[in-house]
Amino acid sequence: MNAPYPPPPPARGRDRTTLWGILGIITGLLCCGILGIIFGWLSIRDAKRSGQSPVLGYLAITFGVINIIGSAILRATGNYPGWND
C-alpha cells in the first residue's frame, strides 16, 4: 500500500539539445568557429542531462574547429578576404 511514486517525466520545454546543436553547426560553418564550439559544448551537456544523442554537439565542435583552422590557413597565406583591399 505504501508504494513509492514513479519519477516525474522530464520537462519537455527545457531541453535545448537540438537548438544548441543547430546553432553550433550554423555558426561553426558560416561565421565564428568559437561560437560553434561553445554551442556544441552546450548541446553535448544538455544531451547528457536529458539522455539524448550528442551527435549534433560533436558536429558543431568539429565544424567550429575546421572553421578556425581554415581561417588560420587563409590568413597565413594572405588569401583571407578583406585583408588586402
N, C-alpha and C. Protein backbone atom coordinates (compact mmCIF):
# COMPACT_ATOMS: atom_id res chain seq x y z
N MET A 1 0.80 -1.19 0.00
CA MET A 1 0.00 0.00 0.00
C MET A 1 0.85 1.27 0.00
N ASN A 2 2.05 1.14 0.46
CA ASN A 2 2.90 2.31 0.57
C ASN A 2 3.98 2.28 -0.52
N ALA A 3 3.54 2.18 -1.78
CA ALA A 3 4.47 2.09 -2.91
C ALA A 3 5.08 3.45 -3.20
N PRO A 4 6.36 3.47 -3.60
CA PRO A 4 6.98 4.76 -3.94
C PRO A 4 6.40 5.31 -5.24
N TYR A 5 6.40 6.59 -5.30
CA TYR A 5 5.88 7.25 -6.50
C TYR A 5 6.90 7.14 -7.63
N PRO A 6 6.42 7.03 -8.88
CA PRO A 6 7.37 7.00 -10.00
C PRO A 6 7.98 8.38 -10.19
N PRO A 7 9.17 8.44 -10.80
CA PRO A 7 9.79 9.76 -11.01
C PRO A 7 8.97 10.58 -11.98
N PRO A 8 9.01 11.89 -11.83
CA PRO A 8 8.24 12.74 -12.75
C PRO A 8 8.82 12.66 -14.16
N PRO A 9 7.98 12.85 -15.17
CA PRO A 9 8.50 12.83 -16.55
C PRO A 9 9.41 14.02 -16.79
N PRO A 10 10.38 13.89 -17.69
CA PRO A 10 11.28 15.01 -17.96
C PRO A 10 10.51 16.19 -18.56
N ALA A 11 10.96 17.38 -18.20
CA ALA A 11 10.32 18.59 -18.71
C ALA A 11 10.65 18.76 -20.19
N ARG A 12 9.66 18.84 -21.03
CA ARG A 12 9.88 18.92 -22.47
C ARG A 12 10.33 20.31 -22.90
N GLY A 13 9.91 21.34 -22.23
CA GLY A 13 10.23 22.69 -22.65
C GLY A 13 11.65 23.12 -22.32
N ARG A 14 12.35 22.38 -21.50
CA ARG A 14 13.67 22.79 -21.04
C ARG A 14 14.81 22.14 -21.82
N ASP A 15 14.50 21.22 -22.70
CA ASP A 15 15.52 20.53 -23.46
C ASP A 15 15.91 21.37 -24.68
N ARG A 16 17.16 21.79 -24.69
CA ARG A 16 17.64 22.64 -25.79
C ARG A 16 18.78 21.99 -26.55
N THR A 17 18.85 20.67 -26.50
CA THR A 17 19.93 19.96 -27.17
C THR A 17 19.97 20.25 -28.66
N THR A 18 18.83 20.14 -29.31
CA THR A 18 18.77 20.37 -30.76
C THR A 18 19.03 21.83 -31.09
N LEU A 19 18.49 22.74 -30.30
CA LEU A 19 18.71 24.17 -30.53
C LEU A 19 20.19 24.51 -30.50
N TRP A 20 20.89 24.09 -29.44
CA TRP A 20 22.32 24.40 -29.32
C TRP A 20 23.10 23.73 -30.44
N GLY A 21 22.74 22.50 -30.79
CA GLY A 21 23.46 21.79 -31.83
C GLY A 21 23.34 22.46 -33.19
N ILE A 22 22.13 22.86 -33.55
CA ILE A 22 21.92 23.50 -34.86
C ILE A 22 22.56 24.89 -34.88
N LEU A 23 22.44 25.64 -33.80
CA LEU A 23 23.12 26.94 -33.74
C LEU A 23 24.63 26.78 -33.86
N GLY A 24 25.16 25.74 -33.22
CA GLY A 24 26.60 25.49 -33.30
C GLY A 24 27.05 25.12 -34.70
N ILE A 25 26.26 24.29 -35.38
CA ILE A 25 26.62 23.91 -36.74
C ILE A 25 26.58 25.12 -37.67
N ILE A 26 25.54 25.93 -37.56
CA ILE A 26 25.41 27.10 -38.43
C ILE A 26 26.52 28.10 -38.18
N THR A 27 26.77 28.44 -36.92
CA THR A 27 27.82 29.42 -36.64
C THR A 27 29.20 28.84 -36.92
N GLY A 28 29.38 27.54 -36.68
CA GLY A 28 30.67 26.92 -36.96
C GLY A 28 30.99 26.88 -38.45
N LEU A 29 29.98 26.70 -39.26
CA LEU A 29 30.20 26.66 -40.71
C LEU A 29 30.31 28.04 -41.33
N LEU A 30 29.49 28.97 -40.89
CA LEU A 30 29.37 30.24 -41.60
C LEU A 30 30.23 31.37 -41.07
N CYS A 31 30.28 31.55 -39.77
CA CYS A 31 30.93 32.78 -39.34
C CYS A 31 31.99 32.60 -38.26
N CYS A 32 31.63 32.06 -37.15
CA CYS A 32 32.52 32.12 -35.99
C CYS A 32 32.74 30.72 -35.41
N GLY A 33 33.93 30.20 -35.56
CA GLY A 33 34.23 28.86 -35.08
C GLY A 33 34.15 28.73 -33.58
N ILE A 34 34.52 29.78 -32.87
CA ILE A 34 34.48 29.72 -31.40
C ILE A 34 33.05 29.60 -30.91
N LEU A 35 32.12 30.32 -31.52
CA LEU A 35 30.71 30.17 -31.14
C LEU A 35 30.20 28.77 -31.46
N GLY A 36 30.65 28.20 -32.56
CA GLY A 36 30.27 26.84 -32.89
C GLY A 36 30.72 25.85 -31.84
N ILE A 37 31.94 26.05 -31.33
CA ILE A 37 32.46 25.17 -30.28
C ILE A 37 31.68 25.35 -28.99
N ILE A 38 31.36 26.59 -28.64
CA ILE A 38 30.60 26.85 -27.41
C ILE A 38 29.20 26.25 -27.50
N PHE A 39 28.51 26.49 -28.61
CA PHE A 39 27.17 25.93 -28.76
C PHE A 39 27.21 24.40 -28.81
N GLY A 40 28.25 23.84 -29.41
CA GLY A 40 28.40 22.39 -29.44
C GLY A 40 28.57 21.82 -28.05
N TRP A 41 29.37 22.48 -27.24
CA TRP A 41 29.56 22.04 -25.86
C TRP A 41 28.24 22.10 -25.08
N LEU A 42 27.48 23.18 -25.28
CA LEU A 42 26.18 23.29 -24.61
C LEU A 42 25.23 22.18 -25.06
N SER A 43 25.28 21.83 -26.34
CA SER A 43 24.43 20.76 -26.85
C SER A 43 24.81 19.41 -26.23
N ILE A 44 26.10 19.14 -26.13
CA ILE A 44 26.54 17.88 -25.53
C ILE A 44 26.15 17.83 -24.05
N ARG A 45 26.31 18.95 -23.36
CA ARG A 45 25.94 19.00 -21.94
C ARG A 45 24.46 18.71 -21.75
N ASP A 46 23.61 19.34 -22.56
CA ASP A 46 22.17 19.12 -22.43
C ASP A 46 21.78 17.70 -22.86
N ALA A 47 22.49 17.15 -23.85
CA ALA A 47 22.19 15.78 -24.29
C ALA A 47 22.49 14.78 -23.19
N LYS A 48 23.57 14.98 -22.48
CA LYS A 48 23.90 14.08 -21.37
C LYS A 48 22.88 14.19 -20.25
N ARG A 49 22.41 15.39 -19.99
CA ARG A 49 21.41 15.58 -18.93
C ARG A 49 20.07 14.94 -19.27
N SER A 50 19.67 15.00 -20.54
CA SER A 50 18.35 14.50 -20.92
C SER A 50 18.39 13.11 -21.53
N GLY A 51 19.57 12.53 -21.68
CA GLY A 51 19.68 11.18 -22.21
C GLY A 51 19.50 11.08 -23.71
N GLN A 52 19.78 12.15 -24.43
CA GLN A 52 19.66 12.15 -25.89
C GLN A 52 21.02 11.95 -26.54
N SER A 53 21.01 11.84 -27.85
CA SER A 53 22.24 11.66 -28.60
C SER A 53 23.01 12.98 -28.72
N PRO A 54 24.31 12.99 -28.46
CA PRO A 54 25.10 14.22 -28.54
C PRO A 54 25.73 14.47 -29.91
N VAL A 55 25.22 13.83 -30.96
CA VAL A 55 25.84 13.91 -32.29
C VAL A 55 25.87 15.35 -32.81
N LEU A 56 24.79 16.10 -32.63
CA LEU A 56 24.78 17.49 -33.13
C LEU A 56 25.86 18.33 -32.45
N GLY A 57 26.07 18.10 -31.18
CA GLY A 57 27.11 18.83 -30.46
C GLY A 57 28.50 18.51 -30.98
N TYR A 58 28.75 17.22 -31.24
CA TYR A 58 30.05 16.84 -31.79
C TYR A 58 30.26 17.42 -33.19
N LEU A 59 29.21 17.43 -34.00
CA LEU A 59 29.32 18.04 -35.33
C LEU A 59 29.61 19.53 -35.23
N ALA A 60 28.93 20.21 -34.31
CA ALA A 60 29.14 21.65 -34.15
C ALA A 60 30.59 21.94 -33.74
N ILE A 61 31.12 21.15 -32.82
CA ILE A 61 32.51 21.35 -32.39
C ILE A 61 33.46 21.07 -33.56
N THR A 62 33.20 20.02 -34.32
CA THR A 62 34.04 19.69 -35.46
C THR A 62 34.05 20.81 -36.49
N PHE A 63 32.86 21.32 -36.83
CA PHE A 63 32.79 22.40 -37.82
C PHE A 63 33.43 23.68 -37.29
N GLY A 64 33.30 23.94 -36.00
CA GLY A 64 33.94 25.11 -35.41
C GLY A 64 35.45 25.03 -35.49
N VAL A 65 36.01 23.85 -35.21
CA VAL A 65 37.46 23.66 -35.30
C VAL A 65 37.93 23.78 -36.75
N ILE A 66 37.17 23.19 -37.67
CA ILE A 66 37.52 23.30 -39.09
C ILE A 66 37.51 24.76 -39.54
N ASN A 67 36.53 25.53 -39.08
CA ASN A 67 36.45 26.95 -39.42
C ASN A 67 37.67 27.70 -38.90
N ILE A 68 38.06 27.43 -37.66
CA ILE A 68 39.22 28.12 -37.07
C ILE A 68 40.50 27.76 -37.83
N ILE A 69 40.69 26.47 -38.12
CA ILE A 69 41.89 26.04 -38.84
C ILE A 69 41.90 26.61 -40.25
N GLY A 70 40.76 26.56 -40.94
CA GLY A 70 40.68 27.11 -42.29
C GLY A 70 40.95 28.60 -42.32
N SER A 71 40.41 29.33 -41.35
CA SER A 71 40.66 30.78 -41.29
C SER A 71 42.13 31.07 -41.03
N ALA A 72 42.75 30.28 -40.16
CA ALA A 72 44.17 30.48 -39.88
C ALA A 72 45.02 30.23 -41.11
N ILE A 73 44.68 29.19 -41.88
CA ILE A 73 45.43 28.91 -43.11
C ILE A 73 45.24 30.03 -44.13
N LEU A 74 44.02 30.50 -44.30
CA LEU A 74 43.77 31.58 -45.25
C LEU A 74 44.49 32.86 -44.84
N ARG A 75 44.52 33.15 -43.57
CA ARG A 75 45.22 34.35 -43.12
C ARG A 75 46.72 34.22 -43.30
N ALA A 76 47.24 33.02 -43.06
CA ALA A 76 48.69 32.81 -43.19
C ALA A 76 49.14 32.92 -44.64
N THR A 77 48.30 32.50 -45.57
CA THR A 77 48.67 32.57 -46.98
C THR A 77 48.32 33.91 -47.62
N GLY A 78 47.61 34.76 -46.90
CA GLY A 78 47.26 36.07 -47.44
C GLY A 78 46.04 36.06 -48.33
N ASN A 79 45.29 34.99 -48.34
CA ASN A 79 44.11 34.90 -49.19
C ASN A 79 42.79 35.18 -48.46
N TYR A 80 42.89 35.71 -47.26
CA TYR A 80 41.68 35.99 -46.49
C TYR A 80 41.01 37.22 -47.05
N PRO A 81 39.70 37.16 -47.40
CA PRO A 81 39.03 38.33 -47.99
C PRO A 81 38.99 39.52 -47.04
N GLY A 82 39.29 40.66 -47.57
CA GLY A 82 39.21 41.88 -46.77
C GLY A 82 40.54 42.32 -46.20
N TRP A 83 41.57 41.50 -46.29
CA TRP A 83 42.85 41.86 -45.72
C TRP A 83 43.75 42.62 -46.71
N ASN A 84 43.55 42.42 -47.98
CA ASN A 84 44.42 43.05 -48.96
C ASN A 84 43.69 44.11 -49.80
N ASP A 85 42.65 44.68 -49.27
CA ASP A 85 41.89 45.68 -50.02
C ASP A 85 42.61 46.99 -50.09
